[in-house]
Amino acid sequence: MAAIIDRNEREGNRQQHLFTALKKLAKIGTVRDSSFLYDTKAMYETNQNRFLNAVCSVDTDLSPTDFLLACKNIEKEMGRVKTYR
């Protein structure tokens, strides 16, 4: 299965967090490509820090559900706390 993953960071060392996430994704699949990093301001909740955004393409043998669960586990390992949605 091929997947396109969107990552963004707004806290701490944003660039290092994105690179760490990319390394962790490489453990559950093959990272085929990744975008440049883009620094953007928040659009709707404007009282937030700026975001550093990137996307990557990953090939994996996991099912879509298992891949999503693996990605959620990476977020948890990296300390993500859901605040929106």
PDB file of N, CA and C in Angstrom:
ATOM      1  N   MET A   1       0.841  -1.163   0.000  1.00  0.00           N
ATOM      2  CA  MET A   1       0.000   0.000   0.000  1.00  0.00           C
ATOM      3  C   MET A   1       0.898   1.242   0.000  1.00  0.00           C
ATOM      4  N   ALA A   2       0.511   2.236  -0.756  1.00  0.00           N
ATOM      5  CA  ALA A   2       1.221   3.522  -0.759  1.00  0.00           C
ATOM      6  C   ALA A   2       0.385   4.523   0.025  1.00  0.00           C
ATOM      7  N   ALA A   3       1.051   5.367   0.803  1.00  0.00           N
ATOM      8  CA  ALA A   3       0.349   6.370   1.600  1.00  0.00           C
ATOM      9  C   ALA A   3       1.096   7.701   1.511  1.00  0.00           C
ATOM     10  N   ILE A   4       0.344   8.778   1.540  1.00  0.00           N
ATOM     11  CA  ILE A   4       0.910  10.119   1.622  1.00  0.00           C
ATOM     12  C   ILE A   4       0.599  10.637   3.026  1.00  0.00           C
ATOM     13  N   ILE A   5       1.622  11.007   3.751  1.00  0.00           N
ATOM     14  CA  ILE A   5       1.478  11.424   5.147  1.00  0.00           C
ATOM     15  C   ILE A   5       1.794  12.911   5.274  1.00  0.00           C
ATOM     16  N   ASP A   6       0.922  13.617   5.949  1.00  0.00           N
ATOM     17  CA  ASP A   6       1.121  15.034   6.252  1.00  0.00           C
ATOM     18  C   ASP A   6       1.593  15.132   7.693  1.00  0.00           C
ATOM     19  N   ARG A   7       2.663  15.872   7.909  1.00  0.00           N
ATOM     20  CA  ARG A   7       3.173  16.092   9.263  1.00  0.00           C
ATOM     21  C   ARG A   7       3.302  17.582   9.481  1.00  0.00           C
ATOM     22  N   ASN A   8       2.987  18.010  10.690  1.00  0.00           N
ATOM     23  CA  ASN A   8       3.241  19.403  11.042  1.00  0.00           C
ATOM     24  C   ASN A   8       3.604  19.481  12.506  1.00  0.00           C
ATOM     25  N   GLU A   9       4.389  20.467  12.828  1.00  0.00           N
ATOM     26  CA  GLU A   9       4.843  20.688  14.200  1.00  0.00           C
ATOM     27  C   GLU A   9       4.712  22.157  14.518  1.00  0.00           C
ATOM     28  N   ARG A  10       4.363  22.447  15.767  1.00  0.00           N
ATOM     29  CA  ARG A  10       4.278  23.844  16.179  1.00  0.00           C
ATOM     30  C   ARG A  10       4.921  24.101  17.535  1.00  0.00           C
ATOM     31  N   GLU A  11       5.505  23.085  18.143  1.00  0.00           N
ATOM     32  CA  GLU A  11       6.108  23.217  19.464  1.00  0.00           C
ATOM     33  C   GLU A  11       7.555  22.733  19.453  1.00  0.00           C
ATOM     34  N   GLY A  12       8.391  23.304  20.289  1.00  0.00           N
ATOM     35  CA  GLY A  12       9.760  22.832  20.478  1.00  0.00           C
ATOM     36  C   GLY A  12      10.604  22.953  19.224  1.00  0.00           C
ATOM     37  N   ASN A  13      11.538  22.027  19.067  1.00  0.00           N
ATOM     38  CA  ASN A  13      12.415  21.991  17.894  1.00  0.00           C
ATOM     39  C   ASN A  13      11.642  21.333  16.750  1.00  0.00           C
ATOM     40  N   ARG A  14      10.881  22.125  16.034  1.00  0.00           N
ATOM     41  CA  ARG A  14       9.954  21.628  15.019  1.00  0.00           C
ATOM     42  C   ARG A  14      10.648  20.804  13.948  1.00  0.00           C
ATOM     43  N   GLN A  15      11.771  21.275  13.456  1.00  0.00           N
ATOM     44  CA  GLN A  15      12.481  20.555  12.396  1.00  0.00           C
ATOM     45  C   GLN A  15      12.952  19.193  12.887  1.00  0.00           C
ATOM     46  N   GLN A  16      13.511  19.142  14.083  1.00  0.00           N
ATOM     47  CA  GLN A  16      13.978  17.861  14.629  1.00  0.00           C
ATOM     48  C   GLN A  16      12.815  16.904  14.844  1.00  0.00           C
ATOM     49  N   HIS A  17      11.671  17.406  15.285  1.00  0.00           N
ATOM     50  CA  HIS A  17      10.498  16.551  15.477  1.00  0.00           C
ATOM     51  C   HIS A  17      10.051  15.925  14.156  1.00  0.00           C
ATOM     52  N   LEU A  18      10.068  16.716  13.083  1.00  0.00           N
ATOM     53  CA  LEU A  18       9.676  16.173  11.771  1.00  0.00           C
ATOM     54  C   LEU A  18      10.658  15.101  11.301  1.00  0.00           C
ATOM     55  N   PHE A  19      11.950  15.331  11.491  1.00  0.00           N
ATOM     56  CA  PHE A  19      12.938  14.337  11.076  1.00  0.00           C
ATOM     57  C   PHE A  19      12.823  13.062  11.913  1.00  0.00           C
ATOM     58  N   THR A  20      12.546  13.207  13.200  1.00  0.00           N
ATOM     59  CA  THR A  20      12.352  12.039  14.063  1.00  0.00           C
ATOM     60  C   THR A  20      11.130  11.242  13.600  1.00  0.00           C
ATOM     61  N   ALA A  21      10.046  11.927  13.283  1.00  0.00           N
ATOM     62  CA  ALA A  21       8.841  11.247  12.793  1.00  0.00           C
ATOM     63  C   ALA A  21       9.139  10.504  11.495  1.00  0.00           C
ATOM     64  N   LEU A  22       9.927  11.110  10.624  1.00  0.00           N
ATOM     65  CA  LEU A  22      10.293  10.464   9.358  1.00  0.00           C
ATOM     66  C   LEU A  22      11.086   9.182   9.610  1.00  0.00           C
ATOM     67  N   LYS A  23      12.011   9.223  10.557  1.00  0.00           N
ATOM     68  CA  LYS A  23      12.789   8.025  10.902  1.00  0.00           C
ATOM     69  C   LYS A  23      11.880   6.928  11.448  1.00  0.00           C
ATOM     70  N   LYS A  24      10.913   7.314  12.267  1.00  0.00           N
ATOM     71  CA  LYS A  24       9.984   6.333  12.831  1.00  0.00           C
ATOM     72  C   LYS A  24       9.076   5.750  11.741  1.00  0.00           C
ATOM     73  N   LEU A  25       8.662   6.571  10.787  1.00  0.00           N
ATOM     74  CA  LEU A  25       7.862   6.068   9.672  1.00  0.00           C
ATOM     75  C   LEU A  25       8.651   5.041   8.863  1.00  0.00           C
ATOM     76  N   ALA A  26       9.950   5.243   8.748  1.00  0.00           N
ATOM     77  CA  ALA A  26      10.801   4.322   7.995  1.00  0.00           C
ATOM     78  C   ALA A  26      10.850   2.938   8.642  1.00  0.00           C
ATOM     79  N   LYS A  27      10.469   2.836   9.906  1.00  0.00           N
ATOM     80  CA  LYS A  27      10.451   1.543  10.594  1.00  0.00           C
ATOM     81  C   LYS A  27       9.179   0.752  10.288  1.00  0.00           C
ATOM     82  N   ILE A  28       8.147   1.425   9.780  1.00  0.00           N
ATOM     83  CA  ILE A  28       6.899   0.721   9.471  1.00  0.00           C
ATOM     84  C   ILE A  28       6.642   0.651   7.962  1.00  0.00           C
ATOM     85  N   GLY A  29       7.551   1.212   7.180  1.00  0.00           N
ATOM     86  CA  GLY A  29       7.416   1.185   5.728  1.00  0.00           C
ATOM     87  C   GLY A  29       8.658   1.764   5.083  1.00  0.00           C
ATOM     88  N   THR A  30       8.601   1.906   3.780  1.00  0.00           N
ATOM     89  CA  THR A  30       9.702   2.500   3.022  1.00  0.00           C
ATOM     90  C   THR A  30       9.314   3.919   2.638  1.00  0.00           C
ATOM     91  N   VAL A  31      10.068   4.890   3.144  1.00  0.00           N
ATOM     92  CA  VAL A  31       9.816   6.285   2.797  1.00  0.00           C
ATOM     93  C   VAL A  31      10.389   6.509   1.408  1.00  0.00           C
ATOM     94  N   ARG A  32       9.522   6.808   0.452  1.00  0.00           N
ATOM     95  CA  ARG A  32       9.927   6.965  -0.938  1.00  0.00           C
ATOM     96  C   ARG A  32      10.364   8.385  -1.267  1.00  0.00           C
ATOM     97  N   ASP A  33       9.708   9.353  -0.670  1.00  0.00           N
ATOM     98  CA  ASP A  33      10.003  10.756  -0.993  1.00  0.00           C
ATOM     99  C   ASP A  33       9.452  11.635   0.113  1.00  0.00           C
ATOM    100  N   SER A  34       9.999  12.829   0.231  1.00  0.00           N
ATOM    101  CA  SER A  34       9.458  13.798   1.183  1.00  0.00           C
ATOM    102  C   SER A  34       9.581  15.197   0.590  1.00  0.00           C
ATOM    103  N   SER A  35       8.727  16.071   1.066  1.00  0.00           N
ATOM    104  CA  SER A  35       8.679  17.430   0.544  1.00  0.00           C
ATOM    105  C   SER A  35       9.710  18.321   1.248  1.00  0.00           C
ATOM    106  N   PHE A  36       9.780  19.545   0.778  1.00  0.00           N
ATOM    107  CA  PHE A  36      10.491  20.576   1.505  1.00  0.00           C
ATOM    108  C   PHE A  36       9.711  20.878   2.776  1.00  0.00           C
ATOM    109  N   LEU A  37      10.318  21.625   3.691  1.00  0.00           N
ATOM    110  CA  LEU A  37       9.631  22.080   4.899  1.00  0.00           C
ATOM    111  C   LEU A  37       9.028  23.454   4.626  1.00  0.00           C
ATOM    112  N   TYR A  38       7.799  23.651   5.084  1.00  0.00           N
ATOM    113  CA  TYR A  38       7.104  24.920   4.881  1.00  0.00           C
ATOM    114  C   TYR A  38       6.661  25.486   6.220  1.00  0.00           C
ATOM    115  N   ASP A  39       7.040  26.721   6.491  1.00  0.00           N
ATOM    116  CA  ASP A  39       6.661  27.418   7.718  1.00  0.00           C
ATOM    117  C   ASP A  39       5.417  28.253   7.435  1.00  0.00           C
ATOM    118  N   THR A  40       4.337  27.976   8.162  1.00  0.00           N
ATOM    119  CA  THR A  40       3.076  28.681   7.917  1.00  0.00           C
ATOM    120  C   THR A  40       2.449  29.130   9.231  1.00  0.00           C
ATOM    121  N   LYS A  41       1.641  30.173   9.148  1.00  0.00           N
ATOM    122  CA  LYS A  41       0.893  30.605  10.329  1.00  0.00           C
ATOM    123  C   LYS A  41      -0.396  29.793  10.410  1.00  0.00           C
ATOM    124  N   ALA A  42      -0.946  29.703  11.598  1.00  0.00           N
ATOM    125  CA  ALA A  42      -2.217  29.001  11.794  1.00  0.00           C
ATOM    126  C   ALA A  42      -3.317  29.770  11.070  1.00  0.00           C
ATOM    127  N   MET A  43      -4.262  29.035  10.498  1.00  0.00           N
ATOM    128  CA  MET A  43      -5.294  29.688   9.692  1.00  0.00           C
ATOM    129  C   MET A  43      -6.559  30.029  10.476  1.00  0.00           C
ATOM    130  N   TYR A  44      -7.036  29.144  11.307  1.00  0.00           N
ATOM    131  CA  TYR A  44      -8.337  29.359  11.921  1.00  0.00           C
ATOM    132  C   TYR A  44      -8.229  29.720  13.399  1.00  0.00           C
ATOM    133  N   GLU A  45      -7.413  29.001  14.122  1.00  0.00           N
ATOM    134  CA  GLU A  45      -7.115  29.334  15.516  1.00  0.00           C
ATOM    135  C   GLU A  45      -5.796  30.103  15.496  1.00  0.00           C
ATOM    136  N   THR A  46      -5.879  31.394  15.311  1.00  0.00           N
ATOM    137  CA  THR A  46      -4.676  32.187  15.044  1.00  0.00           C
ATOM    138  C   THR A  46      -3.838  32.474  16.287  1.00  0.00           C
ATOM    139  N   ASN A  47      -4.297  32.083  17.468  1.00  0.00           N
ATOM    140  CA  ASN A  47      -3.515  32.312  18.680  1.00  0.00           C
ATOM    141  C   ASN A  47      -2.594  31.115  18.971  1.00  0.00           C
ATOM    142  N   GLN A  48      -2.108  30.455  17.928  1.00  0.00           N
ATOM    143  CA  GLN A  48      -1.183  29.329  18.037  1.00  0.00           C
ATOM    144  C   GLN A  48       0.180  29.711  17.478  1.00  0.00           C
ATOM    145  N   ASN A  49       1.182  28.909  17.826  1.00  0.00           N
ATOM    146  CA  ASN A  49       2.502  29.075  17.222  1.00  0.00           C
ATOM    147  C   ASN A  49       2.420  28.750  15.730  1.00  0.00           C
ATOM    148  N   ARG A  50       3.416  29.198  14.984  1.00  0.00           N
ATOM    149  CA  ARG A  50       3.499  28.864  13.563  1.00  0.00           C
ATOM    150  C   ARG A  50       3.741  27.362  13.412  1.00  0.00           C
ATOM    151  N   PHE A  51       3.331  26.813  12.271  1.00  0.00           N
ATOM    152  CA  PHE A  51       3.490  25.401  11.975  1.00  0.00           C
ATOM    153  C   PHE A  51       4.643  25.197  11.000  1.00  0.00           C
ATOM    154  N   LEU A  52       5.356  24.096  11.162  1.00  0.00           N
ATOM    155  CA  LEU A  52       6.323  23.642  10.176  1.00  0.00           C
ATOM    156  C   LEU A  52       5.700  22.391   9.560  1.00  0.00           C
ATOM    157  N   ASN A  53       5.470  22.408   8.259  1.00  0.00           N
ATOM    158  CA  ASN A  53       4.716  21.370   7.561  1.00  0.00           C
ATOM    159  C   ASN A  53       5.573  20.630   6.542  1.00  0.00           C
ATOM    160  N   ALA A  54       5.238  19.359   6.339  1.00  0.00           N
ATOM    161  CA  ALA A  54       5.884  18.540   5.314  1.00  0.00           C
ATOM    162  C   ALA A  54       4.964  17.366   4.997  1.00  0.00           C
ATOM    163  N   VAL A  55       5.165  16.766   3.837  1.00  0.00           N
ATOM    164  CA  VAL A  55       4.474  15.520   3.487  1.00  0.00           C
ATOM    165  C   VAL A  55       5.516  14.511   3.018  1.00  0.00           C
ATOM    166  N   CYS A  56       5.162  13.227   3.116  1.00  0.00           N
ATOM    167  CA  CYS A  56       6.050  12.193   2.609  1.00  0.00           C
ATOM    168  C   CYS A  56       5.222  11.060   2.021  1.00  0.00           C
ATOM    169  N   SER A  57       5.853  10.303   1.152  1.00  0.00           N
ATOM    170  CA  SER A  57       5.240   9.145   0.526  1.00  0.00           C
ATOM    171  C   SER A  57       5.858   7.897   1.154  1.00  0.00           C
ATOM    172  N   VAL A  58       4.991   6.983   1.602  1.00  0.00           N
ATOM    173  CA  VAL A  58       5.450   5.773   2.286  1.00  0.00           C
ATOM    174  C   VAL A  58       4.801   4.553   1.641  1.00  0.00           C
ATOM    175  N   ASP A  59       5.597   3.539   1.345  1.00  0.00           N
ATOM    176  CA  ASP A  59       5.082   2.235   0.925  1.00  0.00           C
ATOM    177  C   ASP A  59       5.140   1.314   2.138  1.00  0.00           C
ATOM    178  N   THR A  60       4.061   0.557   2.354  1.00  0.00           N
ATOM    179  CA  THR A  60       4.015  -0.337   3.504  1.00  0.00           C
ATOM    180  C   THR A  60       3.226  -1.591   3.168  1.00  0.00           C
ATOM    181  N   ASP A  61       3.538  -2.661   3.871  1.00  0.00           N
ATOM    182  CA  ASP A  61       2.775  -3.902   3.746  1.00  0.00           C
ATOM    183  C   ASP A  61       1.611  -3.949   4.730  1.00  0.00           C
ATOM    184  N   LEU A  62       1.520  -2.953   5.604  1.00  0.00           N
ATOM    185  CA  LEU A  62       0.437  -2.920   6.584  1.00  0.00           C
ATOM    186  C   LEU A  62      -0.893  -2.606   5.905  1.00  0.00           C
ATOM    187  N   SER A  63      -1.962  -3.067   6.498  1.00  0.00           N
ATOM    188  CA  SER A  63      -3.296  -2.698   6.020  1.00  0.00           C
ATOM    189  C   SER A  63      -3.522  -1.220   6.336  1.00  0.00           C
ATOM    190  N   PRO A  64      -4.474  -0.572   5.684  1.00  0.00           N
ATOM    191  CA  PRO A  64      -4.742   0.833   6.000  1.00  0.00           C
ATOM    192  C   PRO A  64      -5.027   1.068   7.489  1.00  0.00           C
ATOM    193  N   THR A  65      -5.805   0.184   8.107  1.00  0.00           N
ATOM    194  CA  THR A  65      -6.121   0.337   9.534  1.00  0.00           C
ATOM    195  C   THR A  65      -4.876   0.179  10.391  1.00  0.00           C
ATOM    196  N   ASP A  66      -4.068  -0.841  10.110  1.00  0.00           N
ATOM    197  CA  ASP A  66      -2.846  -1.047  10.884  1.00  0.00           C
ATOM    198  C   ASP A  66      -1.849   0.085  10.676  1.00  0.00           C
ATOM    199  N   PHE A  67      -1.793   0.622   9.459  1.00  0.00           N
ATOM    200  CA  PHE A  67      -0.896   1.745   9.189  1.00  0.00           C
ATOM    201  C   PHE A  67      -1.336   2.978   9.982  1.00  0.00           C
ATOM    202  N   LEU A  68      -2.634   3.254   9.996  1.00  0.00           N
ATOM    203  CA  LEU A  68      -3.146   4.377  10.778  1.00  0.00           C
ATOM    204  C   LEU A  68      -2.819   4.197  12.256  1.00  0.00           C
ATOM    205  N   LEU A  69      -3.034   2.995  12.776  1.00  0.00           N
ATOM    206  CA  LEU A  69      -2.720   2.731  14.187  1.00  0.00           C
ATOM    207  C   LEU A  69      -1.230   2.913  14.464  1.00  0.00           C
ATOM    208  N   ALA A  70      -0.380   2.479  13.540  1.00  0.00           N
ATOM    209  CA  ALA A  70       1.069   2.647  13.704  1.00  0.00           C
ATOM    210  C   ALA A  70       1.439   4.131  13.707  1.00  0.00           C
ATOM    211  N   CYS A  71       0.800   4.914  12.833  1.00  0.00           N
ATOM    212  CA  CYS A  71       1.064   6.362  12.798  1.00  0.00           C
ATOM    213  C   CYS A  71       0.599   7.030  14.097  1.00  0.00           C
ATOM    214  N   LYS A  72      -0.559   6.624  14.588  1.00  0.00           N
ATOM    215  CA  LYS A  72      -1.066   7.167  15.857  1.00  0.00           C
ATOM    216  C   LYS A  72      -0.124   6.796  17.006  1.00  0.00           C
ATOM    217  N   ASN A  73       0.454   5.601  16.945  1.00  0.00           N
ATOM    218  CA  ASN A  73       1.405   5.193  17.971  1.00  0.00           C
ATOM    219  C   ASN A  73       2.668   6.054  17.924  1.00  0.00           C
ATOM    220  N   ILE A  74       3.122   6.385  16.724  1.00  0.00           N
ATOM    221  CA  ILE A  74       4.278   7.273  16.584  1.00  0.00           C
ATOM    222  C   ILE A  74       3.963   8.630  17.222  1.00  0.00           C
ATOM    223  N   GLU A  75       2.783   9.162  16.939  1.00  0.00           N
ATOM    224  CA  GLU A  75       2.389  10.437  17.548  1.00  0.00           C
ATOM    225  C   GLU A  75       2.426  10.339  19.070  1.00  0.00           C
ATOM    226  N   LYS A  76       1.894   9.249  19.602  1.00  0.00           N
ATOM    227  CA  LYS A  76       1.858   9.060  21.059  1.00  0.00           C
ATOM    228  C   LYS A  76       3.273   8.970  21.623  1.00  0.00           C
ATOM    229  N   GLU A  77       4.146   8.180  20.957  1.00  0.00           N
ATOM    230  CA  GLU A  77       5.544   8.052  21.388  1.00  0.00           C
ATOM    231  C   GLU A  77       6.239   9.397  21.426  1.00  0.00           C
ATOM    232  N   MET A  78       5.867  10.279  20.493  1.00  0.00           N
ATOM    233  CA  MET A  78       6.525  11.579  20.399  1.00  0.00           C
ATOM    234  C   MET A  78       5.875  12.632  21.303  1.00  0.00           C
ATOM    235  N   GLY A  79       4.867  12.204  22.064  1.00  0.00           N
ATOM    236  CA  GLY A  79       4.286  13.097  23.052  1.00  0.00           C
ATOM    237  C   GLY A  79       3.152  13.980  22.571  1.00  0.00           C
ATOM    238  N   ARG A  80       2.537  13.631  21.458  1.00  0.00           N
ATOM    239  CA  ARG A  80       1.440  14.471  20.965  1.00  0.00           C
ATOM    240  C   ARG A  80       0.274  14.436  21.926  1.00  0.00           C
ATOM    241  N   VAL A  81      -0.247  15.619  22.190  1.00  0.00           N
ATOM    242  CA  VAL A  81      -1.450  15.771  22.989  1.00  0.00           C
ATOM    243  C   VAL A  81      -2.496  16.414  22.086  1.00  0.00           C
ATOM    244  N   LYS A  82      -3.592  15.682  21.842  1.00  0.00           N
ATOM    245  CA  LYS A  82      -4.642  16.220  20.977  1.00  0.00           C
ATOM    246  C   LYS A  82      -5.318  17.389  21.673  1.00  0.00           C
ATOM    247  N   THR A  83      -5.364  18.521  20.967  1.00  0.00           N
ATOM    248  CA  THR A  83      -6.021  19.705  21.534  1.00  0.00           C
ATOM    249  C   THR A  83      -7.148  20.204  20.653  1.00  0.00           C
ATOM    250  N   TYR A  84      -7.139  19.839  19.386  1.00  0.00           N
ATOM    251  CA  TYR A  84      -8.174  20.290  18.447  1.00  0.00           C
ATOM    252  C   TYR A  84      -8.800  19.089  17.774  1.00  0.00           C
ATOM    253  N   ARG A  85     -10.046  19.239  17.357  1.00  0.00           N
ATOM    254  CA  ARG A  85     -10.862  18.219  16.687  1.00  0.00           C
ATOM    255  C   ARG A  85     -11.347  17.223  17.660  1.00  0.00           C
TER     256      ARG A  85
END
